[in-house]
Amino acid sequence: MTDRVRLDSLITLHYRLATADDIELVSTFGSTPATLQLGSGELAPPLEACLEDLPIGERHVFLLEAEQAFGPHNPELVKRMARNELPGGGAKAEPMALVEFEAPNGAKFAGIVREADADSALIDFNHPLAGKSIRFEVEVIGIL
């Protein structure tokens, strides 16, 4: 057992993700901790990078600018699509709904409906936190 996190560690931790102005998005503090295999894609790479070399038992807070976190919001990833091009004919295309698409190779990807009218919907394929600065709080409980 090691006492510091490596980028291939299996770790148990508490974490909290919030906007820069401290609006909580997700937190395991006060509930069951998460167990994650670093390097497997379970946690975004910028967040994993914050964990490298952390010791067990200390709480750390990282403030990440948009470019360090989930990147800038890319306007080219916002597309207006006809409702009949959407999965299920666009029946569920209401503002803030998550719409899942399937690529020709079978991979799945999602977009958030930003606007919708009778004929079309504006779909944003950016990560929901793209363009936003975030606050990442973490306490490593164990390294397996």
Protein backbone atom coordinates (compact mmCIF):
# COMPACT_ATOMS: atom_id res chain seq x y z
CA MET A 1 0.00 0.00 0.00
CA THR A 2 1.32 3.44 -0.94
CA ASP A 3 0.64 6.68 0.90
CA ARG A 4 0.41 9.02 -2.11
CA VAL A 5 -1.87 8.96 -5.15
CA ARG A 6 -0.33 7.95 -8.48
CA LEU A 7 -2.07 8.42 -11.85
CA ASP A 8 -2.80 4.66 -12.03
CA SER A 9 -4.01 4.30 -8.41
CA LEU A 10 -7.27 2.70 -7.30
CA ILE A 11 -8.51 5.16 -4.69
CA THR A 12 -11.39 5.73 -2.33
CA LEU A 13 -12.20 9.38 -1.81
CA HIS A 14 -14.76 11.98 -0.98
CA TYR A 15 -15.12 14.74 -3.56
CA ARG A 16 -17.23 17.77 -4.26
CA LEU A 17 -17.57 19.56 -7.58
CA ALA A 18 -19.02 23.07 -7.59
CA THR A 19 -19.11 26.12 -9.78
CA ALA A 20 -16.51 28.83 -9.06
CA ASP A 21 -19.17 30.72 -7.06
CA ASP A 22 -19.66 27.57 -4.95
CA ILE A 23 -22.96 26.25 -6.31
CA GLU A 24 -22.68 22.53 -5.59
CA LEU A 25 -23.04 20.16 -8.54
CA VAL A 26 -22.16 16.85 -6.89
CA SER A 27 -20.73 15.79 -3.54
CA THR A 28 -19.96 12.53 -1.74
CA PHE A 29 -19.08 14.29 1.54
CA GLY A 30 -21.73 13.23 4.06
CA SER A 31 -22.55 10.07 2.10
CA THR A 32 -20.79 7.03 0.65
CA PRO A 33 -17.30 7.77 -0.72
CA ALA A 34 -16.42 6.97 -4.32
CA THR A 35 -13.89 4.35 -5.41
CA LEU A 36 -12.22 5.18 -8.72
CA GLN A 37 -9.54 3.66 -10.92
CA LEU A 38 -7.47 6.59 -12.13
CA GLY A 39 -6.61 6.53 -15.82
CA SER A 40 -9.77 4.59 -16.72
CA GLY A 41 -11.93 7.57 -17.72
CA GLU A 42 -14.14 7.47 -14.61
CA LEU A 43 -12.97 10.96 -13.70
CA ALA A 44 -12.14 13.76 -16.13
CA PRO A 45 -8.36 13.94 -16.81
CA PRO A 46 -7.98 17.50 -15.43
CA LEU A 47 -9.56 16.36 -12.14
CA GLU A 48 -7.36 13.25 -12.04
CA ALA A 49 -4.30 15.47 -12.49
CA CYS A 50 -5.27 17.35 -9.30
CA LEU A 51 -5.14 14.08 -7.36
CA GLU A 52 -1.58 13.14 -8.30
CA ASP A 53 0.73 12.93 -5.29
CA LEU A 54 -2.00 13.74 -2.72
CA PRO A 55 -1.62 12.02 0.66
CA ILE A 56 -4.34 10.10 2.48
CA GLY A 57 -6.47 12.04 4.93
CA GLU A 58 -5.98 15.66 3.88
CA ARG A 59 -8.73 17.78 2.35
CA HIS A 60 -7.68 19.86 -0.65
CA VAL A 61 -9.52 22.48 -2.71
CA PHE A 62 -8.59 23.17 -6.34
CA LEU A 63 -9.93 26.16 -8.28
CA LEU A 64 -9.75 25.45 -12.00
CA GLU A 65 -10.31 28.00 -14.75
CA ALA A 66 -12.49 26.80 -17.64
CA GLU A 67 -9.44 26.09 -19.83
CA GLN A 68 -7.92 23.91 -17.05
CA ALA A 69 -11.17 22.08 -16.33
CA PHE A 70 -13.53 21.13 -19.16
CA GLY A 71 -12.25 23.58 -21.76
CA PRO A 72 -13.84 26.62 -23.34
CA HIS A 73 -17.37 26.52 -24.70
CA ASN A 74 -17.06 25.80 -28.44
CA PRO A 75 -19.82 27.46 -30.51
CA GLU A 76 -19.13 24.98 -33.35
CA LEU A 77 -20.52 22.23 -31.11
CA VAL A 78 -23.95 23.89 -30.99
CA LYS A 79 -26.16 22.70 -33.85
CA ARG A 80 -29.71 23.44 -34.92
CA MET A 81 -31.36 20.18 -35.99
CA ALA A 82 -34.74 19.39 -37.47
CA ARG A 83 -36.92 17.47 -35.01
CA ASN A 84 -37.18 14.57 -37.46
CA GLU A 85 -33.35 14.20 -37.34
CA LEU A 86 -33.44 13.70 -33.56
CA PRO A 87 -33.79 10.32 -31.82
CA GLY A 88 -37.44 9.40 -31.42
CA GLY A 89 -38.44 12.10 -33.90
CA GLY A 90 -37.58 14.77 -31.35
CA ALA A 91 -40.55 13.98 -29.10
CA LYS A 92 -38.44 14.62 -25.97
CA ALA A 93 -36.63 17.69 -27.30
CA GLU A 94 -37.55 20.22 -24.62
CA PRO A 95 -35.16 22.88 -23.24
CA MET A 96 -32.54 21.42 -20.87
CA ALA A 97 -33.36 17.82 -21.89
CA LEU A 98 -30.45 15.48 -22.54
CA VAL A 99 -30.67 13.82 -25.96
CA GLU A 100 -28.55 10.74 -26.67
CA PHE A 101 -27.30 10.06 -30.20
CA GLU A 102 -25.59 7.05 -31.73
CA ALA A 103 -22.64 7.50 -34.08
CA PRO A 104 -22.28 5.27 -37.17
CA ASN A 105 -19.64 3.23 -35.30
CA GLY A 106 -22.11 2.54 -32.46
CA ALA A 107 -20.56 4.98 -29.98
CA LYS A 108 -23.03 7.05 -27.98
CA PHE A 109 -22.82 10.79 -27.35
CA ALA A 110 -25.20 13.31 -25.86
CA GLY A 111 -26.26 16.89 -26.25
CA ILE A 112 -28.38 19.28 -24.23
CA VAL A 113 -31.38 20.96 -25.82
CA ARG A 114 -30.90 24.73 -25.45
CA GLU A 115 -33.97 25.83 -27.47
CA ALA A 116 -36.83 24.03 -29.18
CA ASP A 117 -39.74 24.98 -31.40
CA ALA A 118 -42.26 23.01 -33.45
CA ASP A 119 -39.77 22.27 -36.24
CA SER A 120 -36.29 22.17 -34.74
CA ALA A 121 -34.10 22.13 -31.65
CA LEU A 122 -30.79 23.77 -30.80
CA ILE A 123 -28.49 21.06 -29.42
CA ASP A 124 -25.32 21.84 -27.45
CA PHE A 125 -22.73 19.04 -27.67
CA ASN A 126 -20.23 20.77 -25.36
CA HIS A 127 -19.57 19.24 -21.94
CA PRO A 128 -22.13 20.84 -19.57
CA LEU A 129 -19.25 22.46 -17.63
CA ALA A 130 -17.37 23.72 -20.70
CA GLY A 131 -16.62 27.41 -20.38
CA LYS A 132 -17.10 27.36 -16.61
CA SER A 133 -14.53 27.66 -13.85
CA ILE A 134 -14.96 25.00 -11.19
CA ARG A 135 -14.10 24.25 -7.59
CA PHE A 136 -12.94 20.67 -6.91
CA GLU A 137 -12.68 19.57 -3.27
CA VAL A 138 -11.21 16.20 -2.45
CA GLU A 139 -10.15 14.04 0.48
CA VAL A 140 -8.40 10.76 -0.30
CA ILE A 141 -9.54 8.10 2.19
CA GLY A 142 -7.53 5.17 0.90
CA ILE A 143 -5.24 3.98 -1.85
CA LEU A 144 -5.69 0.32 -2.75
